[in-house]
Amino acid sequence: MARHKKIERRKELDRRRKRREKRLKQRIKEAIEAAKKSKGK
């Protein structure tokens, strides 16, 4: 039982980390786009 909970917790943490990485990549992409736009002016 305890082992099962540990595995579930690890899965949840992995899921959260993946979501956070996705969000970070999105933010970086947006920042790059904004930088390109400001340079183009």
PDB file of N, CA and C in Angstrom:
ATOM      1  N   MET A   1       0.839  -1.204   0.000  1.00  0.00           N
ATOM      2  CA  MET A   1       0.000   0.000   0.000  1.00  0.00           C
ATOM      3  C   MET A   1       0.881   1.263   0.000  1.00  0.00           C
ATOM      4  N   ALA A   2       1.827   1.297   0.928  1.00  0.00           N
ATOM      5  CA  ALA A   2       2.682   2.484   1.015  1.00  0.00           C
ATOM      6  C   ALA A   2       3.495   2.644  -0.270  1.00  0.00           C
ATOM      7  N   ARG A   3       3.995   1.500  -0.778  1.00  0.00           N
ATOM      8  CA  ARG A   3       4.794   1.553  -1.997  1.00  0.00           C
ATOM      9  C   ARG A   3       3.953   2.092  -3.154  1.00  0.00           C
ATOM     10  N   HIS A   4       2.721   1.623  -3.227  1.00  0.00           N
ATOM     11  CA  HIS A   4       1.823   2.072  -4.292  1.00  0.00           C
ATOM     12  C   HIS A   4       1.646   3.593  -4.224  1.00  0.00           C
ATOM     13  N   LYS A   5       1.454   4.096  -3.006  1.00  0.00           N
ATOM     14  CA  LYS A   5       1.259   5.544  -2.850  1.00  0.00           C
ATOM     15  C   LYS A   5       2.502   6.293  -3.304  1.00  0.00           C
ATOM     16  N   LYS A   6       3.675   5.737  -2.996  1.00  0.00           N
ATOM     17  CA  LYS A   6       4.914   6.395  -3.394  1.00  0.00           C
ATOM     18  C   LYS A   6       4.985   6.514  -4.916  1.00  0.00           C
ATOM     19  N   ILE A   7       4.628   5.420  -5.590  1.00  0.00           N
ATOM     20  CA  ILE A   7       4.659   5.418  -7.059  1.00  0.00           C
ATOM     21  C   ILE A   7       3.679   6.460  -7.595  1.00  0.00           C
ATOM     22  N   GLU A   8       2.490   6.498  -7.027  1.00  0.00           N
ATOM     23  CA  GLU A   8       1.481   7.469  -7.475  1.00  0.00           C
ATOM     24  C   GLU A   8       2.013   8.887  -7.303  1.00  0.00           C
ATOM     25  N   ARG A   9       2.664   9.137  -6.166  1.00  0.00           N
ATOM     26  CA  ARG A   9       3.202  10.462  -5.884  1.00  0.00           C
ATOM     27  C   ARG A   9       4.254  10.837  -6.922  1.00  0.00           C
ATOM     28  N   ARG A  10       5.127   9.867  -7.242  1.00  0.00           N
ATOM     29  CA  ARG A  10       6.171  10.144  -8.224  1.00  0.00           C
ATOM     30  C   ARG A  10       5.546  10.472  -9.582  1.00  0.00           C
ATOM     31  N   LYS A  11       4.499   9.724  -9.934  1.00  0.00           N
ATOM     32  CA  LYS A  11       3.813   9.982 -11.212  1.00  0.00           C
ATOM     33  C   LYS A  11       3.269  11.408 -11.221  1.00  0.00           C
ATOM     34  N   GLU A  12       2.649  11.793 -10.125  1.00  0.00           N
ATOM     35  CA  GLU A  12       2.052  13.131 -10.025  1.00  0.00           C
ATOM     36  C   GLU A  12       3.140  14.198 -10.168  1.00  0.00           C
ATOM     37  N   LEU A  13       4.274  13.975  -9.496  1.00  0.00           N
ATOM     38  CA  LEU A  13       5.363  14.952  -9.570  1.00  0.00           C
ATOM     39  C   LEU A  13       5.890  15.050 -10.999  1.00  0.00           C
ATOM     40  N   ASP A  14       6.036  13.897 -11.650  1.00  0.00           N
ATOM     41  CA  ASP A  14       6.509  13.898 -13.040  1.00  0.00           C
ATOM     42  C   ASP A  14       5.558  14.687 -13.925  1.00  0.00           C
ATOM     43  N   ARG A  15       4.267  14.449 -13.712  1.00  0.00           N
ATOM     44  CA  ARG A  15       3.259  15.140 -14.513  1.00  0.00           C
ATOM     45  C   ARG A  15       3.381  16.645 -14.309  1.00  0.00           C
ATOM     46  N   ARG A  16       3.528  17.041 -13.043  1.00  0.00           N
ATOM     47  CA  ARG A  16       3.628  18.472 -12.738  1.00  0.00           C
ATOM     48  C   ARG A  16       4.869  19.067 -13.398  1.00  0.00           C
ATOM     49  N   ARG A  17       5.998  18.320 -13.323  1.00  0.00           N
ATOM     50  CA  ARG A  17       7.244  18.828 -13.887  1.00  0.00           C
ATOM     51  C   ARG A  17       7.092  19.008 -15.397  1.00  0.00           C
ATOM     52  N   LYS A  18       6.460  18.028 -16.049  1.00  0.00           N
ATOM     53  CA  LYS A  18       6.273  18.126 -17.507  1.00  0.00           C
ATOM     54  C   LYS A  18       5.438  19.348 -17.847  1.00  0.00           C
ATOM     55  N   ARG A  19       4.379  19.567 -17.051  1.00  0.00           N
ATOM     56  CA  ARG A  19       3.503  20.711 -17.314  1.00  0.00           C
ATOM     57  C   ARG A  19       4.302  22.003 -17.168  1.00  0.00           C
ATOM     58  N   ARG A  20       5.130  22.059 -16.110  1.00  0.00           N
ATOM     59  CA  ARG A  20       5.901  23.274 -15.850  1.00  0.00           C
ATOM     60  C   ARG A  20       6.897  23.511 -16.985  1.00  0.00           C
ATOM     61  N   GLU A  21       7.542  22.430 -17.451  1.00  0.00           N
ATOM     62  CA  GLU A  21       8.500  22.575 -18.545  1.00  0.00           C
ATOM     63  C   GLU A  21       7.815  23.089 -19.799  1.00  0.00           C
ATOM     64  N   LYS A  22       6.614  22.567 -20.054  1.00  0.00           N
ATOM     65  CA  LYS A  22       5.863  22.996 -21.234  1.00  0.00           C
ATOM     66  C   LYS A  22       5.573  24.493 -21.138  1.00  0.00           C
ATOM     67  N   ARG A  23       5.151  24.928 -19.931  1.00  0.00           N
ATOM     68  CA  ARG A  23       4.813  26.332 -19.732  1.00  0.00           C
ATOM     69  C   ARG A  23       6.059  27.199 -19.919  1.00  0.00           C
ATOM     70  N   LEU A  24       7.199  26.724 -19.388  1.00  0.00           N
ATOM     71  CA  LEU A  24       8.435  27.485 -19.515  1.00  0.00           C
ATOM     72  C   LEU A  24       8.821  27.632 -20.979  1.00  0.00           C
ATOM     73  N   LYS A  25       8.736  26.528 -21.731  1.00  0.00           N
ATOM     74  CA  LYS A  25       9.076  26.582 -23.154  1.00  0.00           C
ATOM     75  C   LYS A  25       8.184  27.577 -23.871  1.00  0.00           C
ATOM     76  N   GLN A  26       6.896  27.569 -23.528  1.00  0.00           N
ATOM     77  CA  GLN A  26       5.945  28.486 -24.157  1.00  0.00           C
ATOM     78  C   GLN A  26       6.354  29.930 -23.867  1.00  0.00           C
ATOM     79  N   ARG A  27       6.724  30.193 -22.597  1.00  0.00           N
ATOM     80  CA  ARG A  27       7.098  31.546 -22.200  1.00  0.00           C
ATOM     81  C   ARG A  27       8.358  31.985 -22.945  1.00  0.00           C
ATOM     82  N   ILE A  28       9.328  31.063 -23.067  1.00  0.00           N
ATOM     83  CA  ILE A  28      10.574  31.391 -23.760  1.00  0.00           C
ATOM     84  C   ILE A  28      10.281  31.723 -25.218  1.00  0.00           C
ATOM     85  N   LYS A  29       9.414  30.910 -25.822  1.00  0.00           N
ATOM     86  CA  LYS A  29       9.049  31.128 -27.224  1.00  0.00           C
ATOM     87  C   LYS A  29       8.427  32.516 -27.378  1.00  0.00           C
ATOM     88  N   GLU A  30       7.520  32.855 -26.465  1.00  0.00           N
ATOM     89  CA  GLU A  30       6.853  34.158 -26.532  1.00  0.00           C
ATOM     90  C   GLU A  30       7.863  35.283 -26.368  1.00  0.00           C
ATOM     91  N   ALA A  31       8.825  35.093 -25.458  1.00  0.00           N
ATOM     92  CA  ALA A  31       9.839  36.117 -25.221  1.00  0.00           C
ATOM     93  C   ALA A  31      10.674  36.331 -26.481  1.00  0.00           C
ATOM     94  N   ILE A  32      11.024  35.231 -27.143  1.00  0.00           N
ATOM     95  CA  ILE A  32      11.816  35.332 -28.376  1.00  0.00           C
ATOM     96  C   ILE A  32      11.018  36.077 -29.441  1.00  0.00           C
ATOM     97  N   GLU A  33       9.745  35.739 -29.563  1.00  0.00           N
ATOM     98  CA  GLU A  33       8.887  36.417 -30.551  1.00  0.00           C
ATOM     99  C   GLU A  33       8.829  37.914 -30.254  1.00  0.00           C
ATOM    100  N   ALA A  34       8.663  38.265 -28.985  1.00  0.00           N
ATOM    101  CA  ALA A  34       8.574  39.670 -28.593  1.00  0.00           C
ATOM    102  C   ALA A  34       9.887  40.383 -28.918  1.00  0.00           C
ATOM    103  N   ALA A  35      11.010  39.712 -28.663  1.00  0.00           N
ATOM    104  CA  ALA A  35      12.318  40.310 -28.943  1.00  0.00           C
ATOM    105  C   ALA A  35      12.467  40.558 -30.444  1.00  0.00           C
ATOM    106  N   LYS A  36      12.029  39.595 -31.247  1.00  0.00           N
ATOM    107  CA  LYS A  36      12.113  39.751 -32.707  1.00  0.00           C
ATOM    108  C   LYS A  36      11.277  40.951 -33.152  1.00  0.00           C
ATOM    109  N   LYS A  37      10.087  41.075 -32.591  1.00  0.00           N
ATOM    110  CA  LYS A  37       9.192  42.175 -32.974  1.00  0.00           C
ATOM    111  C   LYS A  37       9.819  43.519 -32.606  1.00  0.00           C
ATOM    112  N   SER A  38      10.383  43.614 -31.402  1.00  0.00           N
ATOM    113  CA  SER A  38      10.955  44.885 -30.968  1.00  0.00           C
ATOM    114  C   SER A  38      12.194  45.226 -31.803  1.00  0.00           C
ATOM    115  N   LYS A  39      12.957  44.205 -32.216  1.00  0.00           N
ATOM    116  CA  LYS A  39      14.138  44.458 -33.055  1.00  0.00           C
ATOM    117  C   LYS A  39      13.709  44.924 -34.444  1.00  0.00           C
ATOM    118  N   GLY A  40      12.604  44.384 -34.923  1.00  0.00           N
ATOM    119  CA  GLY A  40      12.133  44.712 -36.265  1.00  0.00           C
ATOM    120  C   GLY A  40      11.685  46.153 -36.418  1.00  0.00           C
ATOM    121  N   LYS A  41      11.330  46.817 -35.316  1.00  0.00           N
ATOM    122  CA  LYS A  41      10.787  48.177 -35.398  1.00  0.00           C
ATOM    123  C   LYS A  41      11.803  49.192 -35.904  1.00  0.00           C
TER     124      LYS A  41
END
